[in-house]
C-alpha atoms as a PDB file:
ATOM      1  CA  MET A   1      67.505 -97.611-133.595  1.00  0.00           C
ATOM      2  CA  ALA A   2      68.857 -98.722-130.210  1.00  0.00           C
ATOM      3  CA  LYS A   3      65.888-101.053-129.714  1.00  0.00           C
ATOM      4  CA  ALA A   4      66.453-102.746-133.096  1.00  0.00           C
ATOM      5  CA  TYR A   5      70.199-102.999-132.383  1.00  0.00           C
ATOM      6  CA  ASN A   6      69.519-104.631-129.006  1.00  0.00           C
ATOM      7  CA  LYS A   7      67.115-107.165-130.575  1.00  0.00           C
ATOM      8  CA  GLY A   8      69.748-107.980-133.172  1.00  0.00           C
ATOM      9  CA  LYS A   9      72.472-108.282-130.548  1.00  0.00           C
ATOM     10  CA  LYS A  10      70.282-110.580-128.440  1.00  0.00           C
ATOM     11  CA  PHE A  11      69.615-112.794-131.471  1.00  0.00           C
ATOM     12  CA  GLU A  12      73.343-112.928-132.260  1.00  0.00           C
ATOM     13  CA  TYR A  13      73.931-114.282-128.735  1.00  0.00           C
ATOM     14  CA  GLU A  14      71.060-116.796-129.172  1.00  0.00           C
ATOM     15  CA  THR A  15      72.694-117.975-132.411  1.00  0.00           C
ATOM     16  CA  ILE A  16      76.083-118.276-130.703  1.00  0.00           C
ATOM     17  CA  LYS A  17      74.557-120.218-127.784  1.00  0.00           C
ATOM     18  CA  PHE A  18      72.837-122.616-130.213  1.00  0.00           C
ATOM     19  CA  LEU A  19      76.063-123.221-132.155  1.00  0.00           C
ATOM     20  CA  ARG A  20      78.286-123.555-129.061  1.00  0.00           C
ATOM     21  CA  TYR A  21      75.897-126.148-127.659  1.00  0.00           C
ATOM     22  CA  SER A  22      76.633-128.145-130.826  1.00  0.00           C
ATOM     23  CA  GLY A  23      80.402-127.844-130.486  1.00  0.00           C
ATOM     24  CA  TRP A  24      81.123-124.758-132.614  1.00  0.00           C
ATOM     25  CA  ILE A  25      83.652-122.112-131.536  1.00  0.00           C
ATOM     26  CA  CYS A  26      82.127-118.656-132.106  1.00  0.00           C
ATOM     27  CA  ASN A  27      83.229-115.021-132.115  1.00  0.00           C
ATOM     28  CA  ARG A  28      80.788-112.112-132.265  1.00  0.00           C
ATOM     29  CA  ALA A  29      81.612-108.956-134.220  1.00  0.00           C
ATOM     30  CA  TYR A  30      81.716-105.842-132.058  1.00  0.00           C
ATOM     31  CA  ALA A  31      78.868-103.426-132.895  1.00  0.00           C
ATOM     32  CA  SER A  32      77.995-105.446-136.030  1.00  0.00           C
ATOM     33  CA  LYS A  33      80.863-103.993-138.048  1.00  0.00           C
ATOM     34  CA  GLY A  34      81.571-105.768-141.332  1.00  0.00           C
ATOM     35  CA  ILE A  35      79.436-108.174-143.335  1.00  0.00           C
ATOM     36  CA  PHE A  36      79.517-110.949-140.717  1.00  0.00           C
ATOM     37  CA  ASP A  37      77.977-110.720-137.253  1.00  0.00           C
ATOM     38  CA  VAL A  38      79.401-114.045-136.050  1.00  0.00           C
ATOM     39  CA  LEU A  39      82.326-116.215-137.096  1.00  0.00           C
ATOM     40  CA  ALA A  40      81.930-119.920-136.295  1.00  0.00           C
ATOM     41  CA  TYR A  41      84.469-122.759-136.532  1.00  0.00           C
ATOM     42  CA  LYS A  42      84.084-126.520-136.236  1.00  0.00           C
ATOM     43  CA  ASP A  43      86.099-129.443-137.632  1.00  0.00           C
ATOM     44  CA  GLY A  44      87.822-127.279-140.259  1.00  0.00           C
ATOM     45  CA  ILE A  45      84.539-125.629-141.334  1.00  0.00           C
ATOM     46  CA  LYS A  46      84.537-121.815-141.210  1.00  0.00           C
ATOM     47  CA  TRP A  47      81.286-119.868-141.312  1.00  0.00           C
ATOM     48  CA  GLY A  48      80.737-116.140-141.621  1.00  0.00           C
ATOM     49  CA  ILE A  49      77.186-115.556-140.354  1.00  0.00           C
ATOM     50  CA  GLN A  50      74.873-112.594-140.886  1.00  0.00           C
ATOM     51  CA  CYS A  51      72.096-112.627-138.256  1.00  0.00           C
ATOM     52  CA  LYS A  52      68.673-110.982-138.614  1.00  0.00           C
ATOM     53  CA  ALA A  53      65.923-110.709-136.005  1.00  0.00           C
ATOM     54  CA  LEU A  54      63.165-108.527-137.405  1.00  0.00           C
ATOM     55  CA  GLU A  55      59.612-108.960-136.150  1.00  0.00           C
ATOM     56  CA  SER A  56      58.422-107.090-139.228  1.00  0.00           C
ATOM     57  CA  ASN A  57      60.145-109.863-141.148  1.00  0.00           C
ATOM     58  CA  LYS A  58      57.049-112.113-140.812  1.00  0.00           C
ATOM     59  CA  ASN A  59      59.353-115.154-140.770  1.00  0.00           C
ATOM     60  CA  ARG A  60      60.894-114.320-144.138  1.00  0.00           C
ATOM     61  CA  ALA A  61      64.595-114.373-144.811  1.00  0.00           C
ATOM     62  CA  TYR A  62      65.326-110.663-145.113  1.00  0.00           C
ATOM     63  CA  LEU A  63      68.573-108.956-146.012  1.00  0.00           C
ATOM     64  CA  SER A  64      68.890-105.400-147.259  1.00  0.00           C
ATOM     65  CA  PRO A  65      69.880-105.204-150.945  1.00  0.00           C
ATOM     66  CA  LYS A  66      73.355-103.955-149.913  1.00  0.00           C
ATOM     67  CA  GLU A  67      73.878-106.813-147.428  1.00  0.00           C
ATOM     68  CA  ASN A  68      72.606-109.349-149.950  1.00  0.00           C
ATOM     69  CA  ARG A  69      74.974-108.036-152.645  1.00  0.00           C
ATOM     70  CA  GLU A  70      78.002-107.993-150.316  1.00  0.00           C
ATOM     71  CA  LEU A  71      77.356-111.511-149.010  1.00  0.00           C
ATOM     72  CA  CYS A  72      76.720-112.955-152.469  1.00  0.00           C
ATOM     73  CA  GLU A  73      79.848-111.257-153.843  1.00  0.00           C
ATOM     74  CA  TYR A  74      81.900-112.681-150.978  1.00  0.00           C
ATOM     75  CA  SER A  75      80.497-116.187-151.656  1.00  0.00           C
ATOM     76  CA  ILE A  76      81.589-115.919-155.305  1.00  0.00           C
ATOM     77  CA  SER A  77      84.992-114.364-154.679  1.00  0.00           C
ATOM     78  CA  PRO A  78      86.159-114.302-151.048  1.00  0.00           C
ATOM     79  CA  THR A  79      88.492-111.437-150.294  1.00  0.00           C
ATOM     80  CA  GLU A  80      92.047-112.298-149.393  1.00  0.00           C
ATOM     81  CA  GLU A  81      91.789-110.443-146.096  1.00  0.00           C
ATOM     82  CA  TYR A  82      88.769-109.711-143.944  1.00  0.00           C
ATOM     83  CA  GLU A  83      88.667-107.126-141.152  1.00  0.00           C
ATOM     84  CA  PHE A  84      86.878-108.432-138.081  1.00  0.00           C
ATOM     85  CA  VAL A  85      86.338-106.245-135.016  1.00  0.00           C
ATOM     86  CA  SER A  86      85.629-108.093-131.778  1.00  0.00           C
ATOM     87  CA  TRP A  87      85.555-107.158-128.110  1.00  0.00           C
ATOM     88  CA  ASN A  88      88.684-107.940-126.123  1.00  0.00           C
ATOM     89  CA  GLN A  89      87.600-108.661-122.556  1.00  0.00           C
ATOM     90  CA  LYS A  90      91.139-108.492-121.171  1.00  0.00           C
ATOM     91  CA  TYR A  91      91.741-104.941-122.408  1.00  0.00           C
ATOM     92  CA  ARG A  92      88.042-103.963-122.339  1.00  0.00           C
ATOM     93  CA  CYS A  93      88.089-102.454-125.812  1.00  0.00           C
ATOM     94  CA  PRO A  94      87.335-103.426-129.416  1.00  0.00           C
ATOM     95  CA  VAL A  95      90.188-105.016-131.340  1.00  0.00           C
ATOM     96  CA  MET A  96      90.449-105.376-135.115  1.00  0.00           C
ATOM     97  CA  ARG A  97      91.968-108.531-136.532  1.00  0.00           C
ATOM     98  CA  ILE A  98      92.848-109.166-140.160  1.00  0.00           C
ATOM     99  CA  LEU A  99      91.667-112.657-141.061  1.00  0.00           C
ATOM    100  CA  LYS A 100      93.017-114.522-144.034  1.00  0.00           C
ATOM    101  CA  ASP A 101      90.540-117.395-143.760  1.00  0.00           C
ATOM    102  CA  GLU A 102      87.882-118.120-146.353  1.00  0.00           C
ATOM    103  CA  PHE A 103      84.394-118.342-144.846  1.00  0.00           C
ATOM    104  CA  THR A 104      81.218-120.022-146.055  1.00  0.00           C
ATOM    105  CA  VAL A 105      78.459-117.393-146.119  1.00  0.00           C
ATOM    106  CA  ILE A 106      75.544-118.219-143.812  1.00  0.00           C
ATOM    107  CA  HIS A 107      72.390-116.232-143.023  1.00  0.00           C
ATOM    108  CA  ALA A 108      70.655-117.000-139.711  1.00  0.00           C
ATOM    109  CA  TYR A 109      67.269-115.403-139.175  1.00  0.00           C
ATOM    110  CA  LYS A 110      64.796-115.427-136.324  1.00  0.00           C
ATOM    111  CA  THR A 111      61.364-116.818-137.179  1.00  0.00           C
ATOM    112  CA  PHE A 112      59.437-116.114-133.946  1.00  0.00           C
ATOM    113  CA  ASP A 113      58.210-119.713-134.259  1.00  0.00           C
ATOM    114  CA  LYS A 114      58.649-121.583-130.963  1.00  0.00           C
ATOM    115  CA  ASP A 115      59.279-124.937-132.667  1.00  0.00           C
ATOM    116  CA  ASN A 116      61.899-123.584-135.093  1.00  0.00           C
ATOM    117  CA  PRO A 117      63.227-120.253-133.762  1.00  0.00           C
ATOM    118  CA  ILE A 118      66.271-120.038-136.051  1.00  0.00           C
ATOM    119  CA  ARG A 119      66.309-120.741-139.756  1.00  0.00           C
ATOM    120  CA  TRP A 120      69.463-120.957-141.830  1.00  0.00           C
ATOM    121  CA  ARG A 121      70.447-120.258-145.426  1.00  0.00           C
ATOM    122  CA  ILE A 122      73.756-120.780-147.199  1.00  0.00           C
ATOM    123  CA  CYS A 123      75.039-118.735-150.125  1.00  0.00           C
ATOM    124  CA  VAL A 124      76.828-120.855-152.715  1.00  0.00           C
ATOM    125  CA  LYS A 125      78.316-118.993-155.692  1.00  0.00           C
ATOM    126  CA  GLY A 126      75.856-116.118-155.208  1.00  0.00           C
ATOM    127  CA  LYS A 127      72.696-118.258-154.821  1.00  0.00           C
ATOM    128  CA  TRP A 128      70.840-118.725-151.529  1.00  0.00           C
ATOM    129  CA  GLU A 129      69.703-122.198-150.443  1.00  0.00           C
ATOM    130  CA  ASP A 130      67.915-123.313-147.279  1.00  0.00           C
ATOM    131  CA  LEU A 131      70.132-125.141-144.823  1.00  0.00           C
ATOM    132  CA  ASN A 132      68.615-127.853-142.640  1.00  0.00           C
ATOM    133  CA  THR A 133      69.789-127.828-139.027  1.00  0.00           C
ATOM    134  CA  SER A 134      70.513-131.567-139.193  1.00  0.00           C
ATOM    135  CA  GLN A 135      73.174-130.835-141.849  1.00  0.00           C
ATOM    136  CA  PHE A 136      75.487-129.141-139.349  1.00  0.00           C
ATOM    137  CA  ILE A 137      74.323-130.028-135.821  1.00  0.00           C
ATOM    138  CA  VAL A 138      75.772-133.276-134.519  1.00  0.00           C
END
């Protein structure tokens, strides 16, 4: 379990690094609590991102049935408030914030393909669509 968690955590940081390089402001969820692993903001766009890095994935977009249901439900009817736990470096402890923002649901998954290491999908009204990197990286 710890090994899988560490791979996932590493991929979350890779995703954040990729987005920050493109001008996004990112926050990582502490210990992957909640449906989003990363929150990203840029030019009024708000993304809630679920990250997956499974070698057994064989480059497929994989979400557990529970994760898929929760993300699709959120894309159809965003909750009024969302609990987000992040690490507070100043106090060296996790801090929960109640967010009232509405996020676009994004799924980032590791492909283990050197030319295209991260693939993206967007959930619109409960339906997943592929998202081309050129659509959001400027």
